[in-house]
Structure formats: C-alpha cells, structure tokens
C-alpha cells in the first residue's frame, strides 16, 4: 500500500462516526479471519497463529467499547457475540478448520451490515462523540490500518 493510500485510509478513519470506526474494525477482523483460513489451507502455522491472535485482539477492542454498565439487551448480546466469536476462533484453530472460520466471517458480516444500517453519516452523528471518546478508538484503528496495509503488501 502506498503512502497516499495509507493517508487516505487514515483520513477516512478520522472522519468516521463511532459506528463507522466499529465497522472498520469488523473489516479488519474479517480480513484477519480470511487470511487465517487461507493459512490453514496452506498449512502455514505461523501465519495462522499471527492472524488469529490479531483477530482476538480486534475482538477485545470491539468488546471494550460495549457499555456493560448500562446492561441493556444490546450490550448483553454484543458481549455474548464477542465471547462466542472468540470461542469459535479457538475451536477452529484447534480443529484446524478453515470452514469454521468462514462461518464466523459470515456472522461478522451480518452484524457489520446491521451496524452499517445504523450509521448515519450526518453532522449530528459526528458531533455526538466527543474528542475524548473518539481518540482511543482512532488510535487503535490507526494501528489496525497500518497492520492491514503491511499485510496486504507482504
């Protein structure tokens, strides 16, 4: 990925709504799992472990954004979903099942689509998050974008 493309991605992240940032992390997660499935098929243990470890970190980041103090059903469902994903990713790794990873990708894409429908690109949505709330999200996404850029060029 060129420096121009990396700059473009960073700009997109900086201008994204909080939901847009979560969607971007879902995209990173899907990429990790696709590369892990491919590594499983190629019997590349090192790449599989690297991708699954990163996927687990992305899930942890997404989970850290869930408002568990609120305790509403949506928060509870997201927490259960992330725990389920983590368990299935471990299961796929132990069973060496690319198919199981691909099933998780389908579920992630389904949830991503639901979030995408909620994301309204309006000034009000962008103003809803204070700079203090957005800063940690943007920092973690910048790291993810750099990692994706590196992994796509390698």
N, C-alpha and C. Protein backbone atom coordinates (compact mmCIF):
# COMPACT_ATOMS: atom_id res chain seq x y z
N UNK A 1 0.85 -1.17 0.00
CA UNK A 1 0.00 0.00 0.00
C UNK A 1 0.90 1.24 0.00
N UNK A 2 0.58 2.19 -0.85
CA UNK A 2 1.39 3.40 -0.95
C UNK A 2 1.10 4.34 0.21
N UNK A 3 1.98 5.30 0.39
CA UNK A 3 1.77 6.30 1.44
C UNK A 3 0.49 7.08 1.20
N UNK A 4 0.16 7.33 -0.06
CA UNK A 4 -1.07 8.05 -0.40
C UNK A 4 -2.30 7.24 0.03
N UNK A 5 -2.28 5.94 -0.26
CA UNK A 5 -3.41 5.09 0.13
C UNK A 5 -3.54 5.01 1.64
N UNK A 6 -2.41 4.92 2.34
CA UNK A 6 -2.43 4.88 3.79
C UNK A 6 -2.98 6.19 4.36
N UNK A 7 -2.58 7.31 3.77
CA UNK A 7 -3.08 8.62 4.21
C UNK A 7 -4.59 8.71 3.98
N UNK A 8 -5.04 8.19 2.85
CA UNK A 8 -6.47 8.20 2.55
C UNK A 8 -7.25 7.40 3.60
N UNK A 9 -6.72 6.23 3.96
CA UNK A 9 -7.40 5.41 4.97
C UNK A 9 -7.43 6.11 6.32
N UNK A 10 -6.32 6.75 6.68
CA UNK A 10 -6.30 7.47 7.96
C UNK A 10 -7.32 8.60 7.96
N UNK A 11 -7.44 9.31 6.85
CA UNK A 11 -8.42 10.40 6.77
C UNK A 11 -9.84 9.86 6.91
N UNK A 12 -10.09 8.72 6.30
CA UNK A 12 -11.42 8.11 6.40
C UNK A 12 -11.74 7.74 7.85
N UNK A 13 -10.75 7.25 8.56
CA UNK A 13 -10.94 6.87 9.95
C UNK A 13 -11.19 8.11 10.81
N UNK A 14 -10.40 9.15 10.57
CA UNK A 14 -10.56 10.37 11.36
C UNK A 14 -11.92 11.01 11.16
N UNK A 15 -12.50 10.84 10.00
CA UNK A 15 -13.80 11.44 9.72
C UNK A 15 -14.97 10.51 9.98
N UNK A 16 -14.69 9.31 10.45
CA UNK A 16 -15.75 8.32 10.65
C UNK A 16 -16.52 8.58 11.94
N UNK A 17 -17.76 8.17 11.91
CA UNK A 17 -18.58 8.21 13.13
C UNK A 17 -18.10 7.08 14.05
N UNK A 18 -18.50 7.10 15.32
CA UNK A 18 -18.13 5.99 16.21
C UNK A 18 -18.57 4.62 15.66
N UNK A 19 -19.74 4.56 15.06
CA UNK A 19 -20.19 3.30 14.46
C UNK A 19 -19.33 2.97 13.25
N UNK A 20 -18.95 3.98 12.50
CA UNK A 20 -18.07 3.77 11.36
C UNK A 20 -16.72 3.20 11.78
N UNK A 21 -16.24 3.61 12.94
CA UNK A 21 -14.98 3.06 13.46
C UNK A 21 -15.14 1.58 13.80
N UNK A 22 -16.27 1.24 14.39
CA UNK A 22 -16.53 -0.17 14.70
C UNK A 22 -16.64 -0.99 13.41
N UNK A 23 -17.29 -0.43 12.41
CA UNK A 23 -17.40 -1.12 11.12
C UNK A 23 -16.03 -1.36 10.53
N UNK A 24 -15.14 -0.37 10.65
CA UNK A 24 -13.78 -0.54 10.14
C UNK A 24 -13.06 -1.68 10.88
N UNK A 25 -13.29 -1.80 12.17
CA UNK A 25 -12.68 -2.91 12.92
C UNK A 25 -13.28 -4.25 12.51
N UNK A 26 -14.57 -4.27 12.19
CA UNK A 26 -15.17 -5.50 11.67
C UNK A 26 -14.48 -5.90 10.36
N UNK A 27 -14.17 -4.90 9.52
CA UNK A 27 -13.47 -5.19 8.27
C UNK A 27 -12.08 -5.78 8.53
N UNK A 28 -11.39 -5.22 9.51
CA UNK A 28 -10.06 -5.75 9.88
C UNK A 28 -10.20 -7.19 10.37
N UNK A 29 -11.21 -7.43 11.20
CA UNK A 29 -11.45 -8.77 11.75
C UNK A 29 -11.73 -9.77 10.63
N UNK A 30 -12.56 -9.40 9.68
CA UNK A 30 -12.86 -10.29 8.55
C UNK A 30 -11.59 -10.58 7.76
N UNK A 31 -10.77 -9.57 7.52
CA UNK A 31 -9.50 -9.78 6.81
C UNK A 31 -8.59 -10.74 7.56
N UNK A 32 -8.50 -10.57 8.87
CA UNK A 32 -7.68 -11.47 9.69
C UNK A 32 -8.15 -12.92 9.54
N UNK A 33 -9.46 -13.11 9.65
CA UNK A 33 -10.00 -14.47 9.58
C UNK A 33 -9.87 -15.07 8.19
N UNK A 34 -10.00 -14.26 7.16
CA UNK A 34 -9.80 -14.77 5.79
C UNK A 34 -8.36 -15.22 5.58
N UNK A 35 -7.41 -14.41 6.06
CA UNK A 35 -6.00 -14.79 5.93
C UNK A 35 -5.70 -16.02 6.78
N UNK A 36 -6.32 -16.13 7.95
CA UNK A 36 -6.11 -17.31 8.80
C UNK A 36 -6.67 -18.56 8.12
N UNK A 37 -7.84 -18.45 7.51
CA UNK A 37 -8.43 -19.60 6.80
C UNK A 37 -7.52 -20.03 5.65
N UNK A 38 -7.01 -19.06 4.93
CA UNK A 38 -6.09 -19.36 3.83
C UNK A 38 -4.82 -20.03 4.36
N UNK A 39 -4.32 -19.54 5.48
CA UNK A 39 -3.12 -20.13 6.10
C UNK A 39 -3.40 -21.55 6.56
N UNK A 40 -4.60 -21.80 7.07
CA UNK A 40 -4.97 -23.16 7.47
C UNK A 40 -4.92 -24.10 6.28
N UNK A 41 -5.47 -23.65 5.18
CA UNK A 41 -5.49 -24.48 3.97
C UNK A 41 -4.08 -24.72 3.44
N UNK A 42 -3.19 -23.75 3.62
CA UNK A 42 -1.81 -23.88 3.14
C UNK A 42 -0.90 -24.53 4.19
N UNK A 43 -1.49 -24.87 5.34
CA UNK A 43 -0.74 -25.46 6.44
C UNK A 43 0.39 -24.55 6.93
N UNK A 44 0.13 -23.25 6.90
CA UNK A 44 1.09 -22.24 7.38
C UNK A 44 0.74 -21.90 8.82
N UNK A 45 1.34 -22.62 9.75
CA UNK A 45 1.01 -22.49 11.17
C UNK A 45 1.35 -21.10 11.70
N UNK A 46 2.49 -20.58 11.31
CA UNK A 46 2.92 -19.27 11.81
C UNK A 46 1.94 -18.17 11.41
N UNK A 47 1.57 -18.14 10.14
CA UNK A 47 0.62 -17.12 9.67
C UNK A 47 -0.75 -17.31 10.32
N UNK A 48 -1.20 -18.56 10.43
CA UNK A 48 -2.48 -18.83 11.08
C UNK A 48 -2.51 -18.26 12.49
N UNK A 49 -1.46 -18.56 13.26
CA UNK A 49 -1.39 -18.07 14.64
C UNK A 49 -1.35 -16.55 14.70
N UNK A 50 -0.58 -15.95 13.83
CA UNK A 50 -0.47 -14.48 13.79
C UNK A 50 -1.83 -13.84 13.51
N UNK A 51 -2.52 -14.35 12.51
CA UNK A 51 -3.81 -13.77 12.13
C UNK A 51 -4.88 -14.00 13.20
N UNK A 52 -4.91 -15.19 13.77
CA UNK A 52 -5.90 -15.48 14.81
C UNK A 52 -5.62 -14.69 16.08
N UNK A 53 -4.36 -14.50 16.40
CA UNK A 53 -4.02 -13.67 17.57
C UNK A 53 -4.47 -12.23 17.35
N UNK A 54 -4.25 -11.71 16.15
CA UNK A 54 -4.68 -10.35 15.87
C UNK A 54 -6.20 -10.25 15.88
N UNK A 55 -6.87 -11.26 15.33
CA UNK A 55 -8.33 -11.26 15.34
C UNK A 55 -8.86 -11.22 16.77
N UNK A 56 -8.21 -11.95 17.66
CA UNK A 56 -8.62 -11.95 19.06
C UNK A 56 -8.42 -10.57 19.69
N UNK A 57 -7.35 -9.89 19.33
CA UNK A 57 -7.13 -8.53 19.83
C UNK A 57 -8.19 -7.57 19.31
N UNK A 58 -8.57 -7.72 18.06
CA UNK A 58 -9.61 -6.86 17.48
C UNK A 58 -10.94 -7.10 18.20
N UNK A 59 -11.25 -8.36 18.47
CA UNK A 59 -12.49 -8.67 19.20
C UNK A 59 -12.45 -8.03 20.59
N UNK A 60 -11.30 -8.11 21.24
CA UNK A 60 -11.16 -7.49 22.57
C UNK A 60 -11.38 -5.99 22.50
N UNK A 61 -10.87 -5.35 21.45
CA UNK A 61 -11.06 -3.90 21.28
C UNK A 61 -12.54 -3.60 21.07
N UNK A 62 -13.19 -4.35 20.21
CA UNK A 62 -14.62 -4.14 19.99
C UNK A 62 -15.41 -4.35 21.28
N UNK A 63 -15.05 -5.37 22.01
CA UNK A 63 -15.74 -5.68 23.26
C UNK A 63 -15.52 -4.58 24.30
N UNK A 64 -14.35 -3.95 24.28
CA UNK A 64 -14.07 -2.89 25.25
C UNK A 64 -14.95 -1.66 25.03
N UNK A 65 -15.52 -1.52 23.84
CA UNK A 65 -16.38 -0.38 23.54
C UNK A 65 -17.82 -0.61 23.98
N UNK A 66 -18.15 -1.85 24.36
CA UNK A 66 -19.53 -2.16 24.78
C UNK A 66 -19.76 -1.58 26.17
N UNK A 67 -20.89 -0.90 26.32
CA UNK A 67 -21.26 -0.30 27.60
C UNK A 67 -21.93 -1.36 28.48
N UNK A 68 -21.09 -2.12 29.19
CA UNK A 68 -21.64 -3.20 30.03
C UNK A 68 -22.30 -2.66 31.29
N UNK A 69 -21.94 -1.45 31.71
CA UNK A 69 -22.56 -0.85 32.90
C UNK A 69 -24.03 -0.59 32.69
N UNK A 70 -24.37 -0.24 31.46
CA UNK A 70 -25.76 0.04 31.11
C UNK A 70 -26.62 -1.21 31.25
N UNK A 71 -26.07 -2.35 30.83
CA UNK A 71 -26.76 -3.62 30.99
C UNK A 71 -27.97 -3.82 30.11
N UNK A 72 -28.11 -3.01 29.06
CA UNK A 72 -29.26 -3.19 28.19
C UNK A 72 -29.09 -4.45 27.33
N UNK A 73 -30.17 -4.95 26.74
CA UNK A 73 -30.09 -6.19 25.96
C UNK A 73 -29.08 -6.13 24.81
N UNK A 74 -28.95 -4.99 24.16
CA UNK A 74 -27.99 -4.88 23.06
C UNK A 74 -26.56 -5.09 23.56
N UNK A 75 -26.23 -4.48 24.69
CA UNK A 75 -24.90 -4.65 25.27
C UNK A 75 -24.66 -6.10 25.65
N UNK A 76 -25.64 -6.72 26.26
CA UNK A 76 -25.52 -8.13 26.65
C UNK A 76 -25.34 -9.03 25.43
N UNK A 77 -26.10 -8.74 24.38
CA UNK A 77 -26.00 -9.55 23.16
C UNK A 77 -24.63 -9.38 22.49
N UNK A 78 -24.13 -8.16 22.44
CA UNK A 78 -22.81 -7.95 21.86
C UNK A 78 -21.73 -8.65 22.66
N UNK A 79 -21.81 -8.58 23.97
CA UNK A 79 -20.83 -9.26 24.82
C UNK A 79 -20.86 -10.77 24.57
N UNK A 80 -22.06 -11.33 24.48
CA UNK A 80 -22.20 -12.76 24.19
C UNK A 80 -21.67 -13.09 22.80
N UNK A 81 -21.94 -12.23 21.83
CA UNK A 81 -21.47 -12.44 20.46
C UNK A 81 -19.95 -12.47 20.41
N UNK A 82 -19.30 -11.51 21.07
CA UNK A 82 -17.84 -11.48 21.05
C UNK A 82 -17.25 -12.70 21.76
N UNK A 83 -17.85 -13.13 22.85
CA UNK A 83 -17.38 -14.33 23.56
C UNK A 83 -17.55 -15.57 22.66
N UNK A 84 -18.66 -15.63 21.97
CA UNK A 84 -18.93 -16.73 21.05
C UNK A 84 -17.89 -16.75 19.92
N UNK A 85 -17.61 -15.57 19.35
CA UNK A 85 -16.61 -15.50 18.28
C UNK A 85 -15.25 -15.99 18.76
N UNK A 86 -14.85 -15.52 19.93
CA UNK A 86 -13.56 -15.94 20.48
C UNK A 86 -13.51 -17.46 20.64
N UNK A 87 -14.57 -18.03 21.18
CA UNK A 87 -14.63 -19.49 21.39
C UNK A 87 -14.56 -20.23 20.06
N UNK A 88 -15.29 -19.76 19.08
CA UNK A 88 -15.31 -20.43 17.77
C UNK A 88 -13.96 -20.29 17.05
N UNK A 89 -13.30 -19.17 17.23
CA UNK A 89 -11.98 -18.99 16.63
C UNK A 89 -10.99 -19.97 17.26
N UNK A 90 -11.05 -20.12 18.57
CA UNK A 90 -10.19 -21.11 19.25
C UNK A 90 -10.52 -22.52 18.76
N UNK A 91 -11.80 -22.80 18.65
CA UNK A 91 -12.23 -24.11 18.19
C UNK A 91 -11.71 -24.39 16.77
N UNK A 92 -11.82 -23.40 15.91
CA UNK A 92 -11.33 -23.54 14.53
C UNK A 92 -9.83 -23.78 14.50
N UNK A 93 -9.12 -23.11 15.39
CA UNK A 93 -7.67 -23.27 15.45
C UNK A 93 -7.31 -24.68 15.91
N UNK A 94 -7.98 -25.15 16.96
CA UNK A 94 -7.71 -26.49 17.49
C UNK A 94 -8.07 -27.56 16.46
N UNK A 95 -9.22 -27.39 15.81
CA UNK A 95 -9.70 -28.37 14.82
C UNK A 95 -9.07 -28.16 13.45
N UNK A 96 -8.32 -27.07 13.29
CA UNK A 96 -7.70 -26.72 12.01
C UNK A 96 -8.76 -26.67 10.90
N UNK A 97 -9.82 -25.91 11.19
CA UNK A 97 -10.97 -25.84 10.29
C UNK A 97 -11.12 -24.46 9.67
N UNK A 98 -10.75 -24.35 8.41
CA UNK A 98 -10.96 -23.10 7.68
C UNK A 98 -12.46 -22.85 7.49
N UNK A 99 -13.23 -23.91 7.35
CA UNK A 99 -14.67 -23.79 7.17
C UNK A 99 -15.32 -23.13 8.38
N UNK A 100 -14.88 -23.51 9.57
CA UNK A 100 -15.42 -22.91 10.78
C UNK A 100 -15.11 -21.41 10.83
N UNK A 101 -13.91 -21.03 10.40
CA UNK A 101 -13.57 -19.60 10.35
C UNK A 101 -14.46 -18.88 9.34
N UNK A 102 -14.70 -19.50 8.21
CA UNK A 102 -15.55 -18.87 7.18
C UNK A 102 -16.99 -18.70 7.67
N UNK A 103 -17.47 -19.62 8.50
CA UNK A 103 -18.80 -19.46 9.09
C UNK A 103 -18.84 -18.24 10.01
N UNK A 104 -17.75 -18.02 10.75
CA UNK A 104 -17.68 -16.86 11.63
C UNK A 104 -17.62 -15.57 10.81
N UNK A 105 -16.92 -15.62 9.70
CA UNK A 105 -16.85 -14.46 8.81
C UNK A 105 -18.26 -14.06 8.36
N UNK A 106 -19.06 -15.05 7.99
CA UNK A 106 -20.44 -14.76 7.56
C UNK A 106 -21.24 -14.09 8.67
N UNK A 107 -21.08 -14.57 9.90
CA UNK A 107 -21.79 -13.96 11.03
C UNK A 107 -21.31 -12.53 11.26
N UNK A 108 -20.01 -12.33 11.19
CA UNK A 108 -19.44 -10.99 11.40
C UNK A 108 -19.97 -10.04 10.33
N UNK A 109 -20.00 -10.50 9.09
CA UNK A 109 -20.50 -9.64 8.01
C UNK A 109 -21.98 -9.31 8.21
N UNK A 110 -22.73 -10.24 8.75
CA UNK A 110 -24.14 -9.99 9.04
C UNK A 110 -24.27 -8.88 10.10
N UNK A 111 -23.50 -8.98 11.17
CA UNK A 111 -23.54 -7.96 12.23
C UNK A 111 -23.02 -6.64 11.69
N UNK A 112 -21.97 -6.69 10.87
CA UNK A 112 -21.41 -5.48 10.26
C UNK A 112 -22.47 -4.75 9.44
N UNK A 113 -23.25 -5.51 8.68
CA UNK A 113 -24.32 -4.92 7.86
C UNK A 113 -25.35 -4.23 8.74
N UNK A 114 -25.68 -4.84 9.86
CA UNK A 114 -26.63 -4.22 10.79
C UNK A 114 -26.09 -2.90 11.33
N UNK A 115 -24.81 -2.89 11.69
CA UNK A 115 -24.20 -1.64 12.17
C UNK A 115 -24.17 -0.60 11.06
N UNK A 116 -23.87 -1.05 9.86
CA UNK A 116 -23.80 -0.12 8.73
C UNK A 116 -25.14 0.56 8.50
N UNK A 117 -26.22 -0.17 8.69
CA UNK A 117 -27.55 0.42 8.52
C UNK A 117 -27.86 1.45 9.60
N UNK A 118 -27.22 1.29 10.77
CA UNK A 118 -27.42 2.24 11.87
C UNK A 118 -26.58 3.50 11.72
N UNK A 119 -25.53 3.41 10.92
CA UNK A 119 -24.59 4.52 10.80
C UNK A 119 -25.12 5.57 9.83
N UNK A 120 -25.50 6.71 10.39
CA UNK A 120 -25.98 7.80 9.55
C UNK A 120 -24.88 8.84 9.43
N UNK A 121 -24.37 9.03 8.22
CA UNK A 121 -23.28 9.99 8.04
C UNK A 121 -23.78 11.43 8.07
N UNK A 122 -24.08 11.90 9.26
CA UNK A 122 -24.57 13.27 9.40
C UNK A 122 -23.70 14.04 10.36
N UNK A 123 -23.81 15.32 10.34
CA UNK A 123 -23.05 16.16 11.26
C UNK A 123 -23.42 15.85 12.70
N UNK A 124 -24.70 15.55 12.93
CA UNK A 124 -25.14 15.24 14.29
C UNK A 124 -24.46 13.99 14.83
N UNK A 125 -24.32 12.96 13.99
CA UNK A 125 -23.67 11.73 14.42
C UNK A 125 -22.20 11.97 14.74
N UNK A 126 -21.54 12.80 13.94
CA UNK A 126 -20.13 13.09 14.19
C UNK A 126 -19.95 13.92 15.45
N UNK A 127 -20.88 14.82 15.71
CA UNK A 127 -20.78 15.66 16.89
C UNK A 127 -21.14 14.91 18.17
N UNK A 128 -21.85 13.79 18.04
CA UNK A 128 -22.29 13.04 19.22
C UNK A 128 -21.12 12.51 20.04
N UNK A 129 -20.02 12.19 19.38
CA UNK A 129 -18.86 11.68 20.10
C UNK A 129 -17.90 12.83 20.38
N UNK A 130 -17.52 12.94 21.63
CA UNK A 130 -16.56 13.99 21.99
C UNK A 130 -15.17 13.56 21.54
N UNK A 131 -14.26 14.52 21.37
CA UNK A 131 -12.89 14.16 21.00
C UNK A 131 -12.26 13.17 21.99
N UNK A 132 -12.62 13.26 23.26
CA UNK A 132 -12.08 12.34 24.27
C UNK A 132 -12.55 10.90 24.01
N UNK A 133 -13.78 10.73 23.55
CA UNK A 133 -14.31 9.40 23.25
C UNK A 133 -13.70 8.84 21.97
N UNK A 134 -13.48 9.70 21.00
CA UNK A 134 -13.01 9.25 19.69
C UNK A 134 -11.52 8.94 19.67
N UNK A 135 -10.74 9.63 20.50
CA UNK A 135 -9.28 9.48 20.45
C UNK A 135 -8.80 8.04 20.63
N UNK A 136 -9.25 7.30 21.69
CA UNK A 136 -8.77 5.92 21.83
C UNK A 136 -9.22 5.02 20.68
N UNK A 137 -10.42 5.26 20.16
CA UNK A 137 -10.91 4.46 19.04
C UNK A 137 -10.04 4.70 17.81
N UNK A 138 -9.75 5.97 17.53
CA UNK A 138 -8.97 6.29 16.35
C UNK A 138 -7.56 5.76 16.47
N UNK A 139 -6.99 5.81 17.67
CA UNK A 139 -5.63 5.31 17.87
C UNK A 139 -5.55 3.82 17.56
N UNK A 140 -6.51 3.05 18.05
CA UNK A 140 -6.48 1.61 17.80
C UNK A 140 -6.73 1.30 16.33
N UNK A 141 -7.56 2.10 15.68
CA UNK A 141 -7.80 1.88 14.26
C UNK A 141 -6.60 2.27 13.41
N UNK A 142 -5.87 3.30 13.79
CA UNK A 142 -4.67 3.66 13.05
C UNK A 142 -3.68 2.51 13.07
N UNK A 143 -3.53 1.86 14.21
CA UNK A 143 -2.64 0.71 14.31
C UNK A 143 -3.15 -0.40 13.41
N UNK A 144 -4.46 -0.64 13.42
CA UNK A 144 -5.04 -1.70 12.59
C UNK A 144 -4.87 -1.40 11.12
N UNK A 145 -5.06 -0.15 10.72
CA UNK A 145 -4.92 0.23 9.32
C UNK A 145 -3.49 0.01 8.87
N UNK A 146 -2.52 0.41 9.70
CA UNK A 146 -1.11 0.20 9.35
C UNK A 146 -0.82 -1.29 9.21
N UNK A 147 -1.39 -2.11 10.08
CA UNK A 147 -1.16 -3.55 10.03
C UNK A 147 -1.76 -4.12 8.76
N UNK A 148 -2.98 -3.69 8.42
CA UNK A 148 -3.62 -4.18 7.20
C UNK A 148 -2.80 -3.75 5.99
N UNK A 149 -2.34 -2.53 5.99
CA UNK A 149 -1.52 -2.04 4.88
C UNK A 149 -0.28 -2.91 4.72
N UNK A 150 0.36 -3.24 5.82
CA UNK A 150 1.56 -4.07 5.77
C UNK A 150 1.22 -5.47 5.29
N UNK A 151 0.16 -6.07 5.82
CA UNK A 151 -0.17 -7.44 5.48
C UNK A 151 -0.64 -7.56 4.02
N UNK A 152 -1.23 -6.51 3.48
CA UNK A 152 -1.68 -6.56 2.09
C UNK A 152 -0.51 -6.41 1.13
N UNK A 153 0.52 -5.70 1.56
CA UNK A 153 1.66 -5.50 0.68
C UNK A 153 2.63 -6.66 0.75
N UNK A 154 2.57 -7.44 1.82
CA UNK A 154 3.51 -8.55 2.01
C UNK A 154 3.12 -9.75 1.18
